[in-house]
Amino acid sequence: MENHPDILAHFKVAAKDRMYQFWERNALSVDIVTEAVLLQKLRYIHENPAKAGMTDNPAEYWYSSARFYETGLDDWQFLSAFY
């Protein structure tokens, strides 16, 4: 709002729970039926910030559980391992 008010208008939506939407809401449902599938999805989620150029190391990205899985440190106080 402060930096680019003209561009913000392109993201305005008529939704009950938000004024603006910045990404498409098309959730892809994937059944987690094996540990291998779970680990693949977890790796994918953890690697996304690095692939987007937001960090070099997924464990250093604040909004990721990667650090928890690498070090066991739970900065959020609610994470638990799947095993």
C-alpha atoms as a PDB file:
ATOM      1  CA  MET A   1       0.000   0.000   0.000  1.00  0.00           C
ATOM      2  CA  GLU A   2       2.776   2.344   0.931  1.00  0.00           C
ATOM      3  CA  ASN A   3       5.234   1.630  -1.864  1.00  0.00           C
ATOM      4  CA  HIS A   4       3.104   0.675  -4.881  1.00  0.00           C
ATOM      5  CA  PRO A   5      -0.567   1.640  -4.421  1.00  0.00           C
ATOM      6  CA  ASP A   6      -1.250   1.625  -8.177  1.00  0.00           C
ATOM      7  CA  ILE A   7      -0.060  -1.960  -8.584  1.00  0.00           C
ATOM      8  CA  LEU A   8      -1.939  -3.154  -5.513  1.00  0.00           C
ATOM      9  CA  ALA A   9      -5.255  -2.502  -7.274  1.00  0.00           C
ATOM     10  CA  HIS A  10      -4.473  -5.387  -9.675  1.00  0.00           C
ATOM     11  CA  PHE A  11      -4.634  -7.813  -6.752  1.00  0.00           C
ATOM     12  CA  LYS A  12      -7.956  -6.658  -5.252  1.00  0.00           C
ATOM     13  CA  VAL A  13     -10.499  -9.469  -4.824  1.00  0.00           C
ATOM     14  CA  ALA A  14     -14.088  -9.695  -3.673  1.00  0.00           C
ATOM     15  CA  ALA A  15     -13.553 -12.270  -0.951  1.00  0.00           C
ATOM     16  CA  LYS A  16     -14.963 -12.439   2.566  1.00  0.00           C
ATOM     17  CA  ASP A  17     -11.628 -13.231   4.189  1.00  0.00           C
ATOM     18  CA  ARG A  18      -9.205 -10.940   2.315  1.00  0.00           C
ATOM     19  CA  MET A  19      -8.951  -7.708   0.367  1.00  0.00           C
ATOM     20  CA  TYR A  20      -6.042  -8.781  -1.855  1.00  0.00           C
ATOM     21  CA  GLN A  21      -4.765 -12.064  -3.254  1.00  0.00           C
ATOM     22  CA  PHE A  22      -1.248 -12.435  -4.620  1.00  0.00           C
ATOM     23  CA  TRP A  23      -1.176 -16.038  -5.767  1.00  0.00           C
ATOM     24  CA  GLU A  24      -3.579 -18.447  -7.386  1.00  0.00           C
ATOM     25  CA  ARG A  25      -5.482 -20.700  -5.018  1.00  0.00           C
ATOM     26  CA  ASN A  26      -5.345 -24.082  -6.704  1.00  0.00           C
ATOM     27  CA  ALA A  27      -4.419 -26.592  -4.058  1.00  0.00           C
ATOM     28  CA  LEU A  28      -3.136 -29.858  -5.456  1.00  0.00           C
ATOM     29  CA  SER A  29      -4.177 -32.657  -3.191  1.00  0.00           C
ATOM     30  CA  VAL A  30      -1.593 -35.419  -2.894  1.00  0.00           C
ATOM     31  CA  ASP A  31      -2.173 -38.450  -0.727  1.00  0.00           C
ATOM     32  CA  ILE A  32       0.785 -39.213   1.525  1.00  0.00           C
ATOM     33  CA  VAL A  33       0.665 -42.981   1.390  1.00  0.00           C
ATOM     34  CA  THR A  34       4.296 -43.895   2.041  1.00  0.00           C
ATOM     35  CA  GLU A  35       7.213 -42.481   3.954  1.00  0.00           C
ATOM     36  CA  ALA A  36       9.029 -41.964   0.643  1.00  0.00           C
ATOM     37  CA  VAL A  37       6.228 -39.698  -0.608  1.00  0.00           C
ATOM     38  CA  LEU A  38       6.224 -37.807   2.697  1.00  0.00           C
ATOM     39  CA  LEU A  39       9.975 -37.222   2.542  1.00  0.00           C
ATOM     40  CA  GLN A  40       9.782 -36.087  -1.099  1.00  0.00           C
ATOM     41  CA  LYS A  41       7.051 -33.545  -0.273  1.00  0.00           C
ATOM     42  CA  LEU A  42       8.914 -32.327   2.807  1.00  0.00           C
ATOM     43  CA  ARG A  43      12.114 -31.845   0.782  1.00  0.00           C
ATOM     44  CA  TYR A  44      10.152 -30.000  -1.908  1.00  0.00           C
ATOM     45  CA  ILE A  45       8.617 -27.632   0.663  1.00  0.00           C
ATOM     46  CA  HIS A  46      11.967 -27.022   2.351  1.00  0.00           C
ATOM     47  CA  GLU A  47      13.795 -26.362  -0.930  1.00  0.00           C
ATOM     48  CA  ASN A  48      11.233 -23.878  -2.324  1.00  0.00           C
ATOM     49  CA  PRO A  49      12.696 -20.750  -0.634  1.00  0.00           C
ATOM     50  CA  ALA A  50      16.176 -21.601  -1.941  1.00  0.00           C
ATOM     51  CA  LYS A  51      14.882 -22.235  -5.461  1.00  0.00           C
ATOM     52  CA  ALA A  52      13.079 -18.886  -5.322  1.00  0.00           C
ATOM     53  CA  GLY A  53      16.352 -17.170  -4.362  1.00  0.00           C
ATOM     54  CA  MET A  54      15.135 -16.200  -0.889  1.00  0.00           C
ATOM     55  CA  THR A  55      17.959 -18.058   0.853  1.00  0.00           C
ATOM     56  CA  ASP A  56      20.973 -20.201   0.050  1.00  0.00           C
ATOM     57  CA  ASN A  57      20.239 -22.651   2.839  1.00  0.00           C
ATOM     58  CA  PRO A  58      16.633 -23.791   3.529  1.00  0.00           C
ATOM     59  CA  ALA A  59      17.454 -24.175   7.247  1.00  0.00           C
ATOM     60  CA  GLU A  60      18.220 -20.442   7.420  1.00  0.00           C
ATOM     61  CA  TYR A  61      14.806 -19.410   6.045  1.00  0.00           C
ATOM     62  CA  TRP A  62      12.823 -18.235   9.078  1.00  0.00           C
ATOM     63  CA  TYR A  63       9.404 -19.450   7.902  1.00  0.00           C
ATOM     64  CA  SER A  64      10.530 -23.008   7.248  1.00  0.00           C
ATOM     65  CA  SER A  65      10.602 -26.150   9.334  1.00  0.00           C
ATOM     66  CA  ALA A  66      13.863 -27.158   7.613  1.00  0.00           C
ATOM     67  CA  ARG A  67      15.925 -25.920  10.555  1.00  0.00           C
ATOM     68  CA  PHE A  68      13.884 -28.095  12.912  1.00  0.00           C
ATOM     69  CA  TYR A  69      14.493 -31.176  10.782  1.00  0.00           C
ATOM     70  CA  GLU A  70      18.229 -30.427  10.541  1.00  0.00           C
ATOM     71  CA  THR A  71      18.953 -29.371  14.125  1.00  0.00           C
ATOM     72  CA  GLY A  72      15.949 -30.290  16.256  1.00  0.00           C
ATOM     73  CA  LEU A  73      15.542 -26.634  17.290  1.00  0.00           C
ATOM     74  CA  ASP A  74      11.866 -25.647  17.339  1.00  0.00           C
ATOM     75  CA  ASP A  75      11.737 -21.857  17.047  1.00  0.00           C
ATOM     76  CA  TRP A  76       7.951 -22.045  16.733  1.00  0.00           C
ATOM     77  CA  GLN A  77       7.335 -24.241  19.809  1.00  0.00           C
ATOM     78  CA  PHE A  78       4.821 -26.489  18.022  1.00  0.00           C
ATOM     79  CA  LEU A  79       6.700 -28.562  15.459  1.00  0.00           C
ATOM     80  CA  SER A  80       7.031 -32.301  15.739  1.00  0.00           C
ATOM     81  CA  ALA A  81       8.807 -34.827  13.584  1.00  0.00           C
ATOM     82  CA  PHE A  82       6.788 -37.279  11.565  1.00  0.00           C
ATOM     83  CA  TYR A  83       8.736 -40.231  12.951  1.00  0.00           C
END
